Amino acid sequence: YNQRTTVELLLESLKRQTVQDFEVVIADDGSSDGTAELCANFKGLEVVYVTQPDVGYRKAKILNSALRVARSDYWIFVDGDVILEKHFVEDHLKLRKAGHFVCGRRVDLGPKFTSTITVDQVRTGQFDGFNLKLLKSTLHNDSLHFNRSLRVTNSFVRRVFKYDRPIDILGSNFSAWKKDVVAVNGFNEAMESYWGEDGDIYIRLRNIGCRAVGAKAICVQFHVFHPRREPTKENMERFYRLIKDTNYKWAEQGLKL
């Protein structure tokens, strides 16, 4: 929602991917900042733009609308405020396996670092590989999780550092098979306040027997800094109740494919 500037950075990072056999479906919750025009005119990618009227927070609803037009049998989810390392799509596809979903994490760019980001930096690959400027930003307590920016593919090293340990879903960095998302009826459209769509679908995927694949320090992405809202107490309490509920497998207000 109204993230045109960061969506452009995301699209530019998608153009650099080592695997290009994908379509991009943008789920937009009624932006009025030129996001539609950016997607319509963006060159070098197949971009499908899906939107809805802005009548409040309805992220789950627009996500389901986007899934209804997505053509692939495997879906990778990212947010509009991230930059992807060039192997991001390739790594998600390599980690996929039947009965599993892939859970990644992100590097949190600080406000000072974020203020210096340009489109040209993304185009020229400055978010691919070791980034000295990011290390300095982390050492100065601006950015967080520099270690997640170093792509580790060796299976032995990943086990030693527990990078492969299963974790829960982070909405900006996960992937799943279409048939599994359909089996739980997609995102829960009853959720119309900030926070929790990703946790909600994680619980349902877990409850139908799908297992998480941990993707820390692989499927590398960078989250652009912006002020964040706090989740409501009610939403958090609902999540912690549901995480103990092994019978919750279906969203009544959901994808309906």
C-alpha atoms as a PDB file:
ATOM      1  CA  TYR A   1       0.000   0.000   0.000  1.00  0.00           C
ATOM      2  CA  ASN A   2       1.534   3.281  -1.255  1.00  0.00           C
ATOM      3  CA  GLN A   3       5.048   1.831  -1.554  1.00  0.00           C
ATOM      4  CA  ARG A   4       5.864   2.850  -5.126  1.00  0.00           C
ATOM      5  CA  THR A   5       9.485   3.749  -4.355  1.00  0.00           C
ATOM      6  CA  THR A   6      10.308   0.455  -2.669  1.00  0.00           C
ATOM      7  CA  VAL A   7       8.297  -1.585  -5.201  1.00  0.00           C
ATOM      8  CA  GLU A   8      10.592  -0.179  -7.897  1.00  0.00           C
ATOM      9  CA  LEU A   9      13.635  -1.395  -5.951  1.00  0.00           C
ATOM     10  CA  LEU A  10      12.009  -4.817  -5.598  1.00  0.00           C
ATOM     11  CA  LEU A  11      11.235  -5.062  -9.310  1.00  0.00           C
ATOM     12  CA  GLU A  12      14.776  -4.033 -10.237  1.00  0.00           C
ATOM     13  CA  SER A  13      16.148  -6.765  -7.974  1.00  0.00           C
ATOM     14  CA  LEU A  14      13.829  -9.271  -9.637  1.00  0.00           C
ATOM     15  CA  LYS A  15      15.277  -8.327 -13.021  1.00  0.00           C
ATOM     16  CA  ARG A  16      18.700  -9.459 -11.735  1.00  0.00           C
ATOM     17  CA  GLN A  17      17.578 -12.950 -10.687  1.00  0.00           C
ATOM     18  CA  THR A  18      19.661 -15.880 -11.904  1.00  0.00           C
ATOM     19  CA  VAL A  19      16.404 -17.689 -12.691  1.00  0.00           C
ATOM     20  CA  GLN A  20      13.958 -15.747 -14.854  1.00  0.00           C
ATOM     21  CA  ASP A  21      11.204 -18.313 -15.443  1.00  0.00           C
ATOM     22  CA  PHE A  22       8.584 -16.621 -13.259  1.00  0.00           C
ATOM     23  CA  GLU A  23       5.794 -14.076 -13.323  1.00  0.00           C
ATOM     24  CA  VAL A  24       5.376 -11.245 -10.831  1.00  0.00           C
ATOM     25  CA  VAL A  25       1.928 -10.666  -9.362  1.00  0.00           C
ATOM     26  CA  ILE A  26       1.606  -7.415  -7.415  1.00  0.00           C
ATOM     27  CA  ALA A  27      -1.090  -7.407  -4.721  1.00  0.00           C
ATOM     28  CA  ASP A  28      -1.954  -3.745  -4.063  1.00  0.00           C
ATOM     29  CA  ASP A  29      -4.401  -2.657  -1.363  1.00  0.00           C
ATOM     30  CA  GLY A  30      -5.681   0.441  -3.191  1.00  0.00           C
ATOM     31  CA  SER A  31      -2.515   2.550  -3.556  1.00  0.00           C
ATOM     32  CA  SER A  32      -2.805   6.117  -4.869  1.00  0.00           C
ATOM     33  CA  ASP A  33       0.906   6.926  -5.248  1.00  0.00           C
ATOM     34  CA  GLY A  34       1.568   5.786  -8.827  1.00  0.00           C
ATOM     35  CA  THR A  35       2.197   2.115  -8.089  1.00  0.00           C
ATOM     36  CA  ALA A  36      -0.257   1.113 -10.812  1.00  0.00           C
ATOM     37  CA  GLU A  37       1.560   3.232 -13.410  1.00  0.00           C
ATOM     38  CA  LEU A  38       4.937   1.848 -12.344  1.00  0.00           C
ATOM     39  CA  CYS A  39       3.733  -1.736 -12.799  1.00  0.00           C
ATOM     40  CA  ALA A  40       2.052  -0.982 -16.121  1.00  0.00           C
ATOM     41  CA  ASN A  41       5.166   0.613 -17.601  1.00  0.00           C
ATOM     42  CA  PHE A  42       7.939  -1.474 -16.018  1.00  0.00           C
ATOM     43  CA  LYS A  43      10.205  -3.040 -18.632  1.00  0.00           C
ATOM     44  CA  GLY A  44      11.966  -6.381 -18.461  1.00  0.00           C
ATOM     45  CA  LEU A  45       9.543  -8.363 -16.315  1.00  0.00           C
ATOM     46  CA  GLU A  46       6.144  -9.937 -16.720  1.00  0.00           C
ATOM     47  CA  VAL A  47       4.161  -7.972 -14.120  1.00  0.00           C
ATOM     48  CA  VAL A  48       0.503  -8.664 -13.324  1.00  0.00           C
ATOM     49  CA  TYR A  49      -1.086  -5.934 -11.218  1.00  0.00           C
ATOM     50  CA  VAL A  50      -4.056  -6.705  -8.960  1.00  0.00           C
ATOM     51  CA  THR A  51      -5.729  -4.049  -6.822  1.00  0.00           C
ATOM     52  CA  GLN A  52      -8.875  -3.295  -4.824  1.00  0.00           C
ATOM     53  CA  PRO A  53     -10.576  -0.172  -3.414  1.00  0.00           C
ATOM     54  CA  ASP A  54      -8.886   1.348  -0.371  1.00  0.00           C
ATOM     55  CA  VAL A  55     -11.512   0.887   2.334  1.00  0.00           C
ATOM     56  CA  GLY A  56      -9.202  -0.103   5.192  1.00  0.00           C
ATOM     57  CA  TYR A  57      -6.623  -2.774   5.928  1.00  0.00           C
ATOM     58  CA  ARG A  58      -7.482  -5.793   3.759  1.00  0.00           C
ATOM     59  CA  LYS A  59      -4.126  -7.368   3.023  1.00  0.00           C
ATOM     60  CA  ALA A  60      -5.400 -10.964   3.229  1.00  0.00           C
ATOM     61  CA  LYS A  61      -8.154 -10.237   0.722  1.00  0.00           C
ATOM     62  CA  ILE A  62      -5.854  -8.709  -1.924  1.00  0.00           C
ATOM     63  CA  LEU A  63      -3.317 -11.496  -1.428  1.00  0.00           C
ATOM     64  CA  ASN A  64      -6.019 -14.036  -2.243  1.00  0.00           C
ATOM     65  CA  SER A  65      -7.056 -11.995  -5.281  1.00  0.00           C
ATOM     66  CA  ALA A  66      -3.466 -12.128  -6.521  1.00  0.00           C
ATOM     67  CA  LEU A  67      -3.262 -15.886  -5.954  1.00  0.00           C
ATOM     68  CA  ARG A  68      -6.368 -16.446  -8.065  1.00  0.00           C
ATOM     69  CA  VAL A  69      -4.590 -15.091 -11.145  1.00  0.00           C
ATOM     70  CA  ALA A  70      -1.141 -16.618 -10.436  1.00  0.00           C
ATOM     71  CA  ARG A  71      -0.408 -19.371 -12.966  1.00  0.00           C
ATOM     72  CA  SER A  72       2.438 -21.320 -11.352  1.00  0.00           C
ATOM     73  CA  ASP A  73       2.118 -24.405  -9.165  1.00  0.00           C
ATOM     74  CA  TYR A  74       4.694 -22.938  -6.751  1.00  0.00           C
ATOM     75  CA  TRP A  75       4.369 -19.534  -5.096  1.00  0.00           C
ATOM     76  CA  ILE A  76       7.108 -17.333  -3.593  1.00  0.00           C
ATOM     77  CA  PHE A  77       5.886 -14.533  -1.323  1.00  0.00           C
ATOM     78  CA  VAL A  78       7.716 -11.232  -0.789  1.00  0.00           C
ATOM     79  CA  ASP A  79       6.673  -7.828   0.523  1.00  0.00           C
ATOM     80  CA  GLY A  80       6.797  -4.595  -1.427  1.00  0.00           C
ATOM     81  CA  ASP A  81       9.523  -3.125   0.777  1.00  0.00           C
ATOM     82  CA  VAL A  82      12.368  -5.585   0.188  1.00  0.00           C
ATOM     83  CA  ILE A  83      15.372  -5.913  -2.132  1.00  0.00           C
ATOM     84  CA  LEU A  84      16.326  -9.422  -3.236  1.00  0.00           C
ATOM     85  CA  GLU A  85      19.809 -10.876  -3.651  1.00  0.00           C
ATOM     86  CA  LYS A  86      20.199 -12.242  -7.181  1.00  0.00           C
ATOM     87  CA  HIS A  87      19.900 -15.942  -6.194  1.00  0.00           C
ATOM     88  CA  PHE A  88      16.701 -15.413  -4.185  1.00  0.00           C
ATOM     89  CA  VAL A  89      14.295 -17.122  -6.605  1.00  0.00           C
ATOM     90  CA  GLU A  90      16.811 -19.836  -7.483  1.00  0.00           C
ATOM     91  CA  ASP A  91      17.370 -20.652  -3.812  1.00  0.00           C
ATOM     92  CA  HIS A  92      13.655 -20.895  -3.039  1.00  0.00           C
ATOM     93  CA  LEU A  93      13.180 -23.258  -5.962  1.00  0.00           C
ATOM     94  CA  LYS A  94      16.139 -25.423  -4.920  1.00  0.00           C
ATOM     95  CA  LEU A  95      14.777 -25.772  -1.381  1.00  0.00           C
ATOM     96  CA  ARG A  96      11.231 -26.714  -2.394  1.00  0.00           C
ATOM     97  CA  LYS A  97      10.090 -30.280  -1.863  1.00  0.00           C
ATOM     98  CA  ALA A  98       6.771 -32.047  -1.585  1.00  0.00           C
ATOM     99  CA  GLY A  99       4.928 -31.588   1.686  1.00  0.00           C
ATOM    100  CA  HIS A 100       7.106 -28.641   2.775  1.00  0.00           C
ATOM    101  CA  PHE A 101       7.132 -24.852   2.730  1.00  0.00           C
ATOM    102  CA  VAL A 102      10.255 -22.674   2.808  1.00  0.00           C
ATOM    103  CA  CYS A 103      10.719 -20.056   5.555  1.00  0.00           C
ATOM    104  CA  GLY A 104      13.342 -17.333   5.039  1.00  0.00           C
ATOM    105  CA  ARG A 105      14.405 -14.279   6.992  1.00  0.00           C
ATOM    106  CA  ARG A 106      15.726 -10.825   6.095  1.00  0.00           C
ATOM    107  CA  VAL A 107      18.397  -8.235   6.779  1.00  0.00           C
ATOM    108  CA  ASP A 108      16.857  -5.162   8.417  1.00  0.00           C
ATOM    109  CA  LEU A 109      18.355  -2.046   6.851  1.00  0.00           C
ATOM    110  CA  GLY A 110      18.597   0.901   9.203  1.00  0.00           C
ATOM    111  CA  PRO A 111      17.228   4.401   8.584  1.00  0.00           C
ATOM    112  CA  LYS A 112      20.630   5.903   7.747  1.00  0.00           C
ATOM    113  CA  PHE A 113      21.529   3.125   5.337  1.00  0.00           C
ATOM    114  CA  THR A 114      18.065   3.241   3.755  1.00  0.00           C
ATOM    115  CA  SER A 115      18.342   6.974   3.095  1.00  0.00           C
ATOM    116  CA  THR A 116      21.320   6.317   0.773  1.00  0.00           C
ATOM    117  CA  ILE A 117      19.769   3.544  -1.375  1.00  0.00           C
ATOM    118  CA  THR A 118      19.349   4.268  -5.089  1.00  0.00           C
ATOM    119  CA  VAL A 119      17.856   2.327  -7.980  1.00  0.00           C
ATOM    120  CA  ASP A 120      21.289   2.253  -9.638  1.00  0.00           C
ATOM    121  CA  GLN A 121      22.755   0.461  -6.628  1.00  0.00           C
ATOM    122  CA  VAL A 122      20.242  -2.337  -7.116  1.00  0.00           C
ATOM    123  CA  ARG A 123      20.758  -2.425 -10.895  1.00  0.00           C
ATOM    124  CA  THR A 124      24.531  -2.735 -10.508  1.00  0.00           C
ATOM    125  CA  GLY A 125      24.346  -5.586  -7.990  1.00  0.00           C
ATOM    126  CA  GLN A 126      25.447  -3.834  -4.817  1.00  0.00           C
ATOM    127  CA  PHE A 127      23.054  -6.041  -2.833  1.00  0.00           C
ATOM    128  CA  ASP A 128      24.630  -9.211  -4.199  1.00  0.00           C
ATOM    129  CA  GLY A 129      27.450 -10.587  -2.061  1.00  0.00           C
ATOM    130  CA  PHE A 130      29.562  -8.948   0.639  1.00  0.00           C
ATOM    131  CA  ASN A 131      28.580  -5.323   1.326  1.00  0.00           C
ATOM    132  CA  LEU A 132      31.159  -3.330   3.292  1.00  0.00           C
ATOM    133  CA  LYS A 133      28.837  -0.363   3.637  1.00  0.00           C
ATOM    134  CA  LEU A 134      26.198  -2.604   5.216  1.00  0.00           C
ATOM    135  CA  LEU A 135      28.759  -4.073   7.621  1.00  0.00           C
ATOM    136  CA  LYS A 136      29.701  -0.558   8.747  1.00  0.00           C
ATOM    137  CA  SER A 137      26.034   0.296   9.158  1.00  0.00           C
ATOM    138  CA  THR A 138      25.569  -2.764  11.364  1.00  0.00           C
ATOM    139  CA  LEU A 139      28.632  -1.971  13.473  1.00  0.00           C
ATOM    140  CA  HIS A 140      27.210   1.517  14.008  1.00  0.00           C
ATOM    141  CA  ASN A 141      23.933   0.062  15.310  1.00  0.00           C
ATOM    142  CA  ASP A 142      21.954   1.235  12.290  1.00  0.00           C
ATOM    143  CA  SER A 143      21.182  -1.961  10.336  1.00  0.00           C
ATOM    144  CA  LEU A 144      20.553  -5.404  11.866  1.00  0.00           C
ATOM    145  CA  HIS A 145      21.360  -9.043  11.008  1.00  0.00           C
ATOM    146  CA  PHE A 146      24.357  -8.524   8.722  1.00  0.00           C
ATOM    147  CA  ASN A 147      25.086 -12.272   8.992  1.00  0.00           C
ATOM    148  CA  ARG A 148      21.910 -12.972   7.023  1.00  0.00           C
ATOM    149  CA  SER A 149      23.325 -11.055   4.052  1.00  0.00           C
ATOM    150  CA  LEU A 150      26.056 -13.680   3.536  1.00  0.00           C
ATOM    151  CA  ARG A 151      24.600 -16.442   1.384  1.00  0.00           C
ATOM    152  CA  VAL A 152      25.591 -19.854   2.766  1.00  0.00           C
ATOM    153  CA  THR A 153      24.807 -22.821   0.519  1.00  0.00           C
ATOM    154  CA  ASN A 154      27.100 -25.525   1.938  1.00  0.00           C
ATOM    155  CA  SER A 155      24.850 -28.019   3.738  1.00  0.00           C
ATOM    156  CA  PHE A 156      27.458 -28.901   6.387  1.00  0.00           C
ATOM    157  CA  VAL A 157      28.068 -25.240   7.314  1.00  0.00           C
ATOM    158  CA  ARG A 158      24.326 -24.618   7.394  1.00  0.00           C
ATOM    159  CA  ARG A 159      23.871 -27.476   9.861  1.00  0.00           C
ATOM    160  CA  VAL A 160      26.763 -26.318  12.051  1.00  0.00           C
ATOM    161  CA  PHE A 161      25.348 -22.799  12.363  1.00  0.00           C
ATOM    162  CA  LYS A 162      21.769 -24.121  12.550  1.00  0.00           C
ATOM    163  CA  TYR A 163      20.741 -22.110   9.507  1.00  0.00           C
ATOM    164  CA  ASP A 164      18.660 -25.069   8.334  1.00  0.00           C
ATOM    165  CA  ARG A 165      16.660 -25.266  11.565  1.00  0.00           C
ATOM    166  CA  PRO A 166      12.920 -25.055  10.835  1.00  0.00           C
ATOM    167  CA  ILE A 167      11.352 -21.693  11.673  1.00  0.00           C
ATOM    168  CA  ASP A 168       7.944 -20.118  11.212  1.00  0.00           C
ATOM    169  CA  ILE A 169       6.746 -18.058   8.254  1.00  0.00           C
ATOM    170  CA  LEU A 170       7.847 -14.470   7.745  1.00  0.00           C
ATOM    171  CA  GLY A 171       5.416 -12.904   5.291  1.00  0.00           C
ATOM    172  CA  SER A 172       8.113 -11.177   3.252  1.00  0.00           C
ATOM    173  CA  ASN A 173      10.123 -14.346   2.613  1.00  0.00           C
ATOM    174  CA  PHE A 174       8.412 -17.689   2.249  1.00  0.00           C
ATOM    175  CA  SER A 175       7.289 -20.061  -0.463  1.00  0.00           C
ATOM    176  CA  ALA A 176       4.835 -22.928  -0.763  1.00  0.00           C
ATOM    177  CA  TRP A 177       3.160 -25.242  -3.231  1.00  0.00           C
ATOM    178  CA  LYS A 178      -0.102 -23.978  -4.669  1.00  0.00           C
ATOM    179  CA  LYS A 179      -1.893 -27.210  -3.756  1.00  0.00           C
ATOM    180  CA  ASP A 180      -0.928 -26.818  -0.083  1.00  0.00           C
ATOM    181  CA  VAL A 181      -2.050 -23.182   0.098  1.00  0.00           C
ATOM    182  CA  VAL A 182      -5.314 -24.169  -1.595  1.00  0.00           C
ATOM    183  CA  ALA A 183      -5.747 -27.028   0.902  1.00  0.00           C
ATOM    184  CA  VAL A 184      -5.931 -24.499   3.772  1.00  0.00           C
ATOM    185  CA  ASN A 185      -8.026 -22.020   1.724  1.00  0.00           C
ATOM    186  CA  GLY A 186      -5.326 -19.365   1.356  1.00  0.00           C
ATOM    187  CA  PHE A 187      -5.152 -16.287   3.548  1.00  0.00           C
ATOM    188  CA  ASN A 188      -7.813 -15.581   6.160  1.00  0.00           C
ATOM    189  CA  GLU A 189      -9.837 -12.593   4.937  1.00  0.00           C
ATOM    190  CA  ALA A 190     -11.544 -12.268   8.312  1.00  0.00           C
ATOM    191  CA  MET A 191      -8.307 -10.630   9.481  1.00  0.00           C
ATOM    192  CA  GLU A 192      -8.803  -6.918   8.782  1.00  0.00           C
ATOM    193  CA  SER A 193      -6.266  -5.326  11.110  1.00  0.00           C
ATOM    194  CA  TYR A 194      -2.480  -5.079  10.905  1.00  0.00           C
ATOM    195  CA  TRP A 195      -0.317  -8.171  11.581  1.00  0.00           C
ATOM    196  CA  GLY A 196      -0.730 -11.905  11.612  1.00  0.00           C
ATOM    197  CA  GLU A 197      -1.678 -13.110   8.095  1.00  0.00           C
ATOM    198  CA  ASP A 198       1.597 -14.993   7.732  1.00  0.00           C
ATOM    199  CA  GLY A 199       1.376 -16.599  11.176  1.00  0.00           C
ATOM    200  CA  ASP A 200      -2.198 -17.609  10.528  1.00  0.00           C
ATOM    201  CA  ILE A 201      -1.386 -19.463   7.309  1.00  0.00           C
ATOM    202  CA  TYR A 202       1.698 -21.003   8.941  1.00  0.00           C
ATOM    203  CA  ILE A 203      -0.477 -22.601  11.618  1.00  0.00           C
ATOM    204  CA  ARG A 204      -2.866 -24.071   9.058  1.00  0.00           C
ATOM    205  CA  LEU A 205      -0.084 -25.416   6.823  1.00  0.00           C
ATOM    206  CA  ARG A 206       1.541 -27.003   9.866  1.00  0.00           C
ATOM    207  CA  ASN A 207      -1.767 -28.524  10.921  1.00  0.00           C
ATOM    208  CA  ILE A 208      -2.336 -30.300   7.587  1.00  0.00           C
ATOM    209  CA  GLY A 209       1.067 -31.961   7.932  1.00  0.00           C
ATOM    210  CA  CYS A 210       3.324 -29.650   5.909  1.00  0.00           C
ATOM    211  CA  ARG A 211       6.791 -29.078   7.340  1.00  0.00           C
ATOM    212  CA  ALA A 212       8.933 -25.946   7.393  1.00  0.00           C
ATOM    213  CA  VAL A 213      12.305 -25.734   5.651  1.00  0.00           C
ATOM    214  CA  GLY A 214      14.587 -23.199   7.359  1.00  0.00           C
ATOM    215  CA  ALA A 215      16.241 -20.777   4.929  1.00  0.00           C
ATOM    216  CA  LYS A 216      18.292 -18.418   7.107  1.00  0.00           C
ATOM    217  CA  ALA A 217      21.390 -17.097   5.303  1.00  0.00           C
ATOM    218  CA  ILE A 218      19.977 -18.277   2.000  1.00  0.00           C
ATOM    219  CA  CYS A 219      17.060 -16.786   0.035  1.00  0.00           C
ATOM    220  CA  VAL A 220      18.707 -13.491   1.030  1.00  0.00           C
ATOM    221  CA  GLN A 221      16.620 -10.325   1.154  1.00  0.00           C
ATOM    222  CA  PHE A 222      16.967  -6.812   2.578  1.00  0.00           C
ATOM    223  CA  HIS A 223      14.110  -4.967   4.280  1.00  0.00           C
ATOM    224  CA  VAL A 224      14.037  -1.233   3.595  1.00  0.00           C
ATOM    225  CA  PHE A 225      13.518   0.766   6.787  1.00  0.00           C
ATOM    226  CA  HIS A 226      10.209   2.491   7.482  1.00  0.00           C
ATOM    227  CA  PRO A 227       8.240   3.239  10.659  1.00  0.00           C
ATOM    228  CA  ARG A 228       6.241   0.212  11.730  1.00  0.00           C
ATOM    229  CA  ARG A 229       2.904  -0.149  13.436  1.00  0.00           C
ATOM    230  CA  GLU A 230       2.501  -2.278  16.511  1.00  0.00           C
ATOM    231  CA  PRO A 231       0.116  -5.232  16.385  1.00  0.00           C
ATOM    232  CA  THR A 232      -2.962  -5.033  18.554  1.00  0.00           C
ATOM    233  CA  LYS A 233      -3.133  -6.970  21.793  1.00  0.00           C
ATOM    234  CA  GLU A 234      -6.174  -8.812  20.428  1.00  0.00           C
ATOM    235  CA  ASN A 235      -4.313  -9.975  17.332  1.00  0.00           C
ATOM    236  CA  MET A 236      -1.372 -11.239  19.342  1.00  0.00           C
ATOM    237  CA  GLU A 237      -3.595 -13.062  21.803  1.00  0.00           C
ATOM    238  CA  ARG A 238      -5.503 -14.649  18.920  1.00  0.00           C
ATOM    239  CA  PHE A 239      -2.252 -15.899  17.361  1.00  0.00           C
ATOM    240  CA  TYR A 240      -0.956 -17.441  20.572  1.00  0.00           C
ATOM    241  CA  ARG A 241      -4.295 -19.183  21.082  1.00  0.00           C
ATOM    242  CA  LEU A 242      -4.298 -20.559  17.549  1.00  0.00           C
ATOM    243  CA  ILE A 243      -0.716 -21.807  17.649  1.00  0.00           C
ATOM    244  CA  LYS A 244      -1.860 -24.371  20.221  1.00  0.00           C
ATOM    245  CA  ASP A 245      -4.885 -25.372  18.140  1.00  0.00           C
ATOM    246  CA  THR A 246      -3.944 -28.371  15.990  1.00  0.00           C
ATOM    247  CA  ASN A 247      -7.445 -28.571  14.501  1.00  0.00           C
ATOM    248  CA  TYR A 248      -7.329 -25.175  12.781  1.00  0.00           C
ATOM    249  CA  LYS A 249      -6.769 -26.135   9.125  1.00  0.00           C
ATOM    250  CA  TRP A 250      -9.226 -24.081   7.062  1.00  0.00           C
ATOM    251  CA  ALA A 251      -9.951 -20.345   6.722  1.00  0.00           C
ATOM    252  CA  GLU A 252     -13.720 -19.943   6.354  1.00  0.00           C
ATOM    253  CA  GLN A 253     -13.214 -16.593   4.593  1.00  0.00           C
ATOM    254  CA  GLY A 254     -10.416 -17.530   2.260  1.00  0.00           C
ATOM    255  CA  LEU A 255      -9.180 -18.266  -1.235  1.00  0.00           C
ATOM    256  CA  LYS A 256     -12.056 -20.444  -2.434  1.00  0.00           C
ATOM    257  CA  LEU A 257     -10.395 -21.908  -5.521  1.00  0.00           C
END
